[in-house]
Amino acid sequence: MNKKESYGLSSLVFLLKFVANIRQLFELMNFTGKYYTEIGWLEIKGDEDFIHSIYFKEDEPEVSEELPQHFIQLNEQFDAYFNHKKWTFDVPLKPKGTDFQTRVWNELQKIPYGKTISYLKLAQDLGDEKTIRAAASANGKNPISIIIPCHRVIGKDGSLTGYAGGLHRKKYLLELEKGIKTMELF
């Protein structure tokens, strides 16, 4: 190996180590929390400043050893929500999505607790009923379950349609919000 090849190889090794260190630092700045509900675990992901995602999981998620204060506040707010004592959330959110998805998710947050709207109404509220399919798609890609209430969007005929967490969970959340506490999921 000549001097030029040796220099190139050592530069590559340095770069790979640098990228690995940056990746570790990035992973240290991200946190995973959890919350247990009657309808499954919630896996909560975020950073020191924001919650980025909340998804239903079948199995108990692995969590970070330490969590920022807004993760702890969120668990307290979930306690209140699932016990009919709080209807709003005030933790900092930063879902990741396109501009259109963000518009849809912002619109979803305007749906009052205990109320539902249709996918058509959602598209109309966005300003163009022709966007119904795109709005439904963005609704389905909502990364922050419950707080961004995609479960409150139903079919035009009142039917429960589509929910990434499963229709049994959508039904449960809607009944919870209407004051109907149910242990039966189907």
C-alpha atoms as a PDB file:
ATOM      1  CA  MET A   1       0.000   0.000   0.000  1.00  0.00           C
ATOM      2  CA  ASN A   2       1.433   3.349  -0.975  1.00  0.00           C
ATOM      3  CA  LYS A   3       1.343   6.538   1.092  1.00  0.00           C
ATOM      4  CA  LYS A   4      -1.653   7.962  -0.818  1.00  0.00           C
ATOM      5  CA  GLU A   5      -3.732   4.804  -0.285  1.00  0.00           C
ATOM      6  CA  SER A   6      -2.744   4.696   3.388  1.00  0.00           C
ATOM      7  CA  TYR A   7      -3.837   8.322   3.841  1.00  0.00           C
ATOM      8  CA  GLY A   8      -7.159   7.617   2.106  1.00  0.00           C
ATOM      9  CA  LEU A   9      -7.784   4.560   4.271  1.00  0.00           C
ATOM     10  CA  SER A  10      -7.009   6.386   7.521  1.00  0.00           C
ATOM     11  CA  SER A  11      -9.287   9.266   6.442  1.00  0.00           C
ATOM     12  CA  LEU A  12     -12.084   6.784   5.794  1.00  0.00           C
ATOM     13  CA  VAL A  13     -11.591   5.128   9.197  1.00  0.00           C
ATOM     14  CA  PHE A  14     -11.641   8.556  10.876  1.00  0.00           C
ATOM     15  CA  LEU A  15     -14.824   9.503   9.019  1.00  0.00           C
ATOM     16  CA  LEU A  16     -16.555   6.250   9.981  1.00  0.00           C
ATOM     17  CA  LYS A  17     -15.638   6.732  13.650  1.00  0.00           C
ATOM     18  CA  PHE A  18     -16.833  10.330  13.498  1.00  0.00           C
ATOM     19  CA  VAL A  19     -20.203   9.281  12.005  1.00  0.00           C
ATOM     20  CA  ALA A  20     -20.562   6.556  14.658  1.00  0.00           C
ATOM     21  CA  ASN A  21     -19.923   9.102  17.428  1.00  0.00           C
ATOM     22  CA  ILE A  22     -22.445  11.544  15.954  1.00  0.00           C
ATOM     23  CA  ARG A  23     -24.993   8.725  15.694  1.00  0.00           C
ATOM     24  CA  GLN A  24     -24.449   7.792  19.350  1.00  0.00           C
ATOM     25  CA  LEU A  25     -24.838  11.419  20.384  1.00  0.00           C
ATOM     26  CA  PHE A  26     -28.050  11.671  18.364  1.00  0.00           C
ATOM     27  CA  GLU A  27     -29.410   8.500  19.969  1.00  0.00           C
ATOM     28  CA  LEU A  28     -28.604   9.878  23.421  1.00  0.00           C
ATOM     29  CA  MET A  29     -30.762  12.906  22.666  1.00  0.00           C
ATOM     30  CA  ASN A  30     -33.795  10.754  21.835  1.00  0.00           C
ATOM     31  CA  PHE A  31     -35.993   9.191  24.474  1.00  0.00           C
ATOM     32  CA  THR A  32     -38.575   6.435  24.604  1.00  0.00           C
ATOM     33  CA  GLY A  33     -41.306   6.332  27.211  1.00  0.00           C
ATOM     34  CA  LYS A  34     -44.361   4.148  27.693  1.00  0.00           C
ATOM     35  CA  TYR A  35     -47.869   4.240  29.071  1.00  0.00           C
ATOM     36  CA  TYR A  36     -50.154   1.262  29.705  1.00  0.00           C
ATOM     37  CA  THR A  37     -53.835   1.396  28.772  1.00  0.00           C
ATOM     38  CA  GLU A  38     -56.617  -1.206  28.789  1.00  0.00           C
ATOM     39  CA  ILE A  39     -56.200  -1.415  25.026  1.00  0.00           C
ATOM     40  CA  GLY A  40     -52.444  -1.836  24.894  1.00  0.00           C
ATOM     41  CA  TRP A  41     -49.162  -0.089  25.442  1.00  0.00           C
ATOM     42  CA  LEU A  42     -48.381   3.372  24.133  1.00  0.00           C
ATOM     43  CA  GLU A  43     -44.803   3.882  23.000  1.00  0.00           C
ATOM     44  CA  ILE A  44     -43.824   7.543  23.324  1.00  0.00           C
ATOM     45  CA  LYS A  45     -40.802   8.885  21.439  1.00  0.00           C
ATOM     46  CA  GLY A  46     -39.289  12.318  21.513  1.00  0.00           C
ATOM     47  CA  ASP A  47     -36.336  14.453  22.471  1.00  0.00           C
ATOM     48  CA  GLU A  48     -35.491  16.905  25.222  1.00  0.00           C
ATOM     49  CA  ASP A  49     -37.961  19.449  23.834  1.00  0.00           C
ATOM     50  CA  PHE A  50     -40.783  17.654  22.030  1.00  0.00           C
ATOM     51  CA  ILE A  51     -42.893  14.516  21.713  1.00  0.00           C
ATOM     52  CA  HIS A  52     -42.455  13.205  18.147  1.00  0.00           C
ATOM     53  CA  SER A  53     -44.594  10.059  18.152  1.00  0.00           C
ATOM     54  CA  ILE A  54     -47.046   8.013  20.178  1.00  0.00           C
ATOM     55  CA  TYR A  55     -47.996   4.599  18.811  1.00  0.00           C
ATOM     56  CA  PHE A  56     -49.982   1.691  20.183  1.00  0.00           C
ATOM     57  CA  LYS A  57     -47.873  -1.433  20.688  1.00  0.00           C
ATOM     58  CA  GLU A  58     -48.830  -4.985  21.579  1.00  0.00           C
ATOM     59  CA  ASP A  59     -45.719  -5.586  23.676  1.00  0.00           C
ATOM     60  CA  GLU A  60     -44.282  -3.441  26.435  1.00  0.00           C
ATOM     61  CA  PRO A  61     -41.804  -0.983  24.912  1.00  0.00           C
ATOM     62  CA  GLU A  62     -38.249  -0.647  26.173  1.00  0.00           C
ATOM     63  CA  VAL A  63     -37.797   2.772  27.718  1.00  0.00           C
ATOM     64  CA  SER A  64     -34.978   5.214  28.331  1.00  0.00           C
ATOM     65  CA  GLU A  65     -33.456   5.235  31.808  1.00  0.00           C
ATOM     66  CA  GLU A  66     -34.192   8.932  32.258  1.00  0.00           C
ATOM     67  CA  LEU A  67     -36.977  10.931  30.669  1.00  0.00           C
ATOM     68  CA  PRO A  68     -37.478  14.662  30.170  1.00  0.00           C
ATOM     69  CA  GLN A  69     -40.160  16.378  32.247  1.00  0.00           C
ATOM     70  CA  HIS A  70     -42.666  16.559  29.374  1.00  0.00           C
ATOM     71  CA  PHE A  71     -42.691  12.738  29.169  1.00  0.00           C
ATOM     72  CA  ILE A  72     -43.629  12.584  32.858  1.00  0.00           C
ATOM     73  CA  GLN A  73     -46.281  15.278  32.378  1.00  0.00           C
ATOM     74  CA  LEU A  74     -47.693  13.331  29.442  1.00  0.00           C
ATOM     75  CA  ASN A  75     -48.104  10.193  31.544  1.00  0.00           C
ATOM     76  CA  GLU A  76     -49.947  12.260  34.175  1.00  0.00           C
ATOM     77  CA  GLN A  77     -52.162  13.720  31.454  1.00  0.00           C
ATOM     78  CA  PHE A  78     -52.871  10.226  30.075  1.00  0.00           C
ATOM     79  CA  ASP A  79     -53.908   9.170  33.606  1.00  0.00           C
ATOM     80  CA  ALA A  80     -56.388  12.052  33.664  1.00  0.00           C
ATOM     81  CA  TYR A  81     -57.600  11.393  30.092  1.00  0.00           C
ATOM     82  CA  PHE A  82     -58.282   7.712  30.658  1.00  0.00           C
ATOM     83  CA  ASN A  83     -60.069   8.533  33.935  1.00  0.00           C
ATOM     84  CA  HIS A  84     -62.341  11.199  32.373  1.00  0.00           C
ATOM     85  CA  LYS A  85     -60.646  14.047  34.246  1.00  0.00           C
ATOM     86  CA  LYS A  86     -58.848  15.870  31.437  1.00  0.00           C
ATOM     87  CA  TRP A  87     -59.827  16.444  27.846  1.00  0.00           C
ATOM     88  CA  THR A  88     -56.858  18.358  26.523  1.00  0.00           C
ATOM     89  CA  PHE A  89     -53.108  17.866  26.421  1.00  0.00           C
ATOM     90  CA  ASP A  90     -50.471  20.549  26.732  1.00  0.00           C
ATOM     91  CA  VAL A  91     -47.173  18.791  26.144  1.00  0.00           C
ATOM     92  CA  PRO A  92     -44.958  20.125  23.331  1.00  0.00           C
ATOM     93  CA  LEU A  93     -45.470  18.220  20.077  1.00  0.00           C
ATOM     94  CA  LYS A  94     -43.407  18.094  16.915  1.00  0.00           C
ATOM     95  CA  PRO A  95     -44.686  15.417  14.553  1.00  0.00           C
ATOM     96  CA  LYS A  96     -42.610  14.857  11.443  1.00  0.00           C
ATOM     97  CA  GLY A  97     -44.461  15.056   8.147  1.00  0.00           C
ATOM     98  CA  THR A  98     -45.011  16.982   4.936  1.00  0.00           C
ATOM     99  CA  ASP A  99     -46.553  20.443   4.904  1.00  0.00           C
ATOM    100  CA  PHE A 100     -49.900  18.957   3.876  1.00  0.00           C
ATOM    101  CA  GLN A 101     -49.783  16.289   6.579  1.00  0.00           C
ATOM    102  CA  THR A 102     -48.999  18.973   9.139  1.00  0.00           C
ATOM    103  CA  ARG A 103     -52.036  20.989   7.958  1.00  0.00           C
ATOM    104  CA  VAL A 104     -54.228  17.918   8.358  1.00  0.00           C
ATOM    105  CA  TRP A 105     -52.839  17.144  11.826  1.00  0.00           C
ATOM    106  CA  ASN A 106     -53.410  20.752  12.886  1.00  0.00           C
ATOM    107  CA  GLU A 107     -57.002  20.504  11.653  1.00  0.00           C
ATOM    108  CA  LEU A 108     -57.522  17.262  13.592  1.00  0.00           C
ATOM    109  CA  GLN A 109     -56.612  19.059  16.811  1.00  0.00           C
ATOM    110  CA  LYS A 110     -59.643  21.319  16.298  1.00  0.00           C
ATOM    111  CA  ILE A 111     -62.081  18.393  16.648  1.00  0.00           C
ATOM    112  CA  PRO A 112     -63.614  18.711  20.129  1.00  0.00           C
ATOM    113  CA  TYR A 113     -63.324  15.934  22.706  1.00  0.00           C
ATOM    114  CA  GLY A 114     -66.288  13.567  22.395  1.00  0.00           C
ATOM    115  CA  LYS A 115     -67.143  14.682  18.848  1.00  0.00           C
ATOM    116  CA  THR A 116     -66.449  13.125  15.466  1.00  0.00           C
ATOM    117  CA  ILE A 117     -66.285  14.385  11.890  1.00  0.00           C
ATOM    118  CA  SER A 118     -66.258  12.618   8.542  1.00  0.00           C
ATOM    119  CA  TYR A 119     -63.322  12.399   6.173  1.00  0.00           C
ATOM    120  CA  LEU A 120     -65.327  14.591   3.790  1.00  0.00           C
ATOM    121  CA  LYS A 121     -65.785  17.242   6.494  1.00  0.00           C
ATOM    122  CA  LEU A 122     -62.061  17.096   7.223  1.00  0.00           C
ATOM    123  CA  ALA A 123     -61.296  17.758   3.542  1.00  0.00           C
ATOM    124  CA  GLN A 124     -63.848  20.587   3.460  1.00  0.00           C
ATOM    125  CA  ASP A 125     -62.317  22.140   6.579  1.00  0.00           C
ATOM    126  CA  LEU A 126     -58.967  22.029   4.786  1.00  0.00           C
ATOM    127  CA  GLY A 127     -60.550  24.080   2.011  1.00  0.00           C
ATOM    128  CA  ASP A 128     -61.081  21.541  -0.763  1.00  0.00           C
ATOM    129  CA  GLU A 129     -63.278  18.462  -0.597  1.00  0.00           C
ATOM    130  CA  LYS A 130     -61.313  17.029  -3.544  1.00  0.00           C
ATOM    131  CA  THR A 131     -58.455  16.423  -1.106  1.00  0.00           C
ATOM    132  CA  ILE A 132     -60.493  13.797   0.733  1.00  0.00           C
ATOM    133  CA  ARG A 133     -58.177  10.899  -0.180  1.00  0.00           C
ATOM    134  CA  ALA A 134     -55.021  12.860   0.596  1.00  0.00           C
ATOM    135  CA  ALA A 135     -56.560  14.040   3.882  1.00  0.00           C
ATOM    136  CA  ALA A 136     -57.533  10.469   4.775  1.00  0.00           C
ATOM    137  CA  SER A 137     -54.009   9.307   3.953  1.00  0.00           C
ATOM    138  CA  ALA A 138     -52.456  12.035   6.117  1.00  0.00           C
ATOM    139  CA  ASN A 139     -54.894  11.148   8.895  1.00  0.00           C
ATOM    140  CA  GLY A 140     -53.712   7.547   8.701  1.00  0.00           C
ATOM    141  CA  LYS A 141     -50.073   8.627   8.935  1.00  0.00           C
ATOM    142  CA  ASN A 142     -50.593  10.669  12.099  1.00  0.00           C
ATOM    143  CA  PRO A 143     -47.618   9.816  14.319  1.00  0.00           C
ATOM    144  CA  ILE A 144     -49.136  11.090  17.579  1.00  0.00           C
ATOM    145  CA  SER A 145     -52.073   8.903  18.619  1.00  0.00           C
ATOM    146  CA  ILE A 146     -54.773  10.272  20.919  1.00  0.00           C
ATOM    147  CA  ILE A 147     -53.322  13.790  21.307  1.00  0.00           C
ATOM    148  CA  ILE A 148     -53.711  14.470  17.595  1.00  0.00           C
ATOM    149  CA  PRO A 149     -57.131  12.808  17.540  1.00  0.00           C
ATOM    150  CA  CYS A 150     -57.228  10.979  14.213  1.00  0.00           C
ATOM    151  CA  HIS A 151     -59.555   8.477  15.925  1.00  0.00           C
ATOM    152  CA  ARG A 152     -62.298  11.152  15.811  1.00  0.00           C
ATOM    153  CA  VAL A 153     -62.560  10.929  12.012  1.00  0.00           C
ATOM    154  CA  ILE A 154     -65.179   8.453  10.814  1.00  0.00           C
ATOM    155  CA  GLY A 155     -66.952   7.500   7.622  1.00  0.00           C
ATOM    156  CA  LYS A 156     -69.634   9.790   6.170  1.00  0.00           C
ATOM    157  CA  ASP A 157     -72.246   7.202   7.158  1.00  0.00           C
ATOM    158  CA  GLY A 158     -70.975   7.102  10.761  1.00  0.00           C
ATOM    159  CA  SER A 159     -69.008   3.882  10.312  1.00  0.00           C
ATOM    160  CA  LEU A 160     -65.666   3.320  11.968  1.00  0.00           C
ATOM    161  CA  THR A 161     -63.157   3.211   9.159  1.00  0.00           C
ATOM    162  CA  GLY A 162     -59.420   2.827   9.305  1.00  0.00           C
ATOM    163  CA  TYR A 163     -57.260   3.365  12.341  1.00  0.00           C
ATOM    164  CA  ALA A 164     -53.572   2.485  12.419  1.00  0.00           C
ATOM    165  CA  GLY A 165     -53.932   1.313  16.034  1.00  0.00           C
ATOM    166  CA  GLY A 166     -56.803  -1.028  15.117  1.00  0.00           C
ATOM    167  CA  LEU A 167     -60.551  -0.433  14.941  1.00  0.00           C
ATOM    168  CA  HIS A 168     -61.100  -1.930  18.419  1.00  0.00           C
ATOM    169  CA  ARG A 169     -58.922   0.854  19.832  1.00  0.00           C
ATOM    170  CA  LYS A 170     -60.694   3.525  17.805  1.00  0.00           C
ATOM    171  CA  LYS A 171     -64.036   2.263  19.126  1.00  0.00           C
ATOM    172  CA  TYR A 172     -62.733   2.227  22.686  1.00  0.00           C
ATOM    173  CA  LEU A 173     -61.344   5.795  22.473  1.00  0.00           C
ATOM    174  CA  LEU A 174     -64.570   7.165  20.989  1.00  0.00           C
ATOM    175  CA  GLU A 175     -66.657   5.428  23.661  1.00  0.00           C
ATOM    176  CA  LEU A 176     -64.284   6.648  26.370  1.00  0.00           C
ATOM    177  CA  GLU A 177     -64.690  10.213  25.132  1.00  0.00           C
ATOM    178  CA  LYS A 178     -68.463   9.894  25.028  1.00  0.00           C
ATOM    179  CA  GLY A 179     -68.469   8.697  28.630  1.00  0.00           C
ATOM    180  CA  ILE A 180     -69.161   5.072  27.824  1.00  0.00           C
ATOM    181  CA  LYS A 181     -66.570   3.082  29.760  1.00  0.00           C
ATOM    182  CA  THR A 182     -66.256  -0.335  28.178  1.00  0.00           C
ATOM    183  CA  MET A 183     -64.216  -3.394  28.993  1.00  0.00           C
ATOM    184  CA  GLU A 184     -65.536  -5.250  25.962  1.00  0.00           C
ATOM    185  CA  LEU A 185     -63.476  -4.424  22.916  1.00  0.00           C
ATOM    186  CA  PHE A 186     -65.699  -5.975  20.249  1.00  0.00           C
END
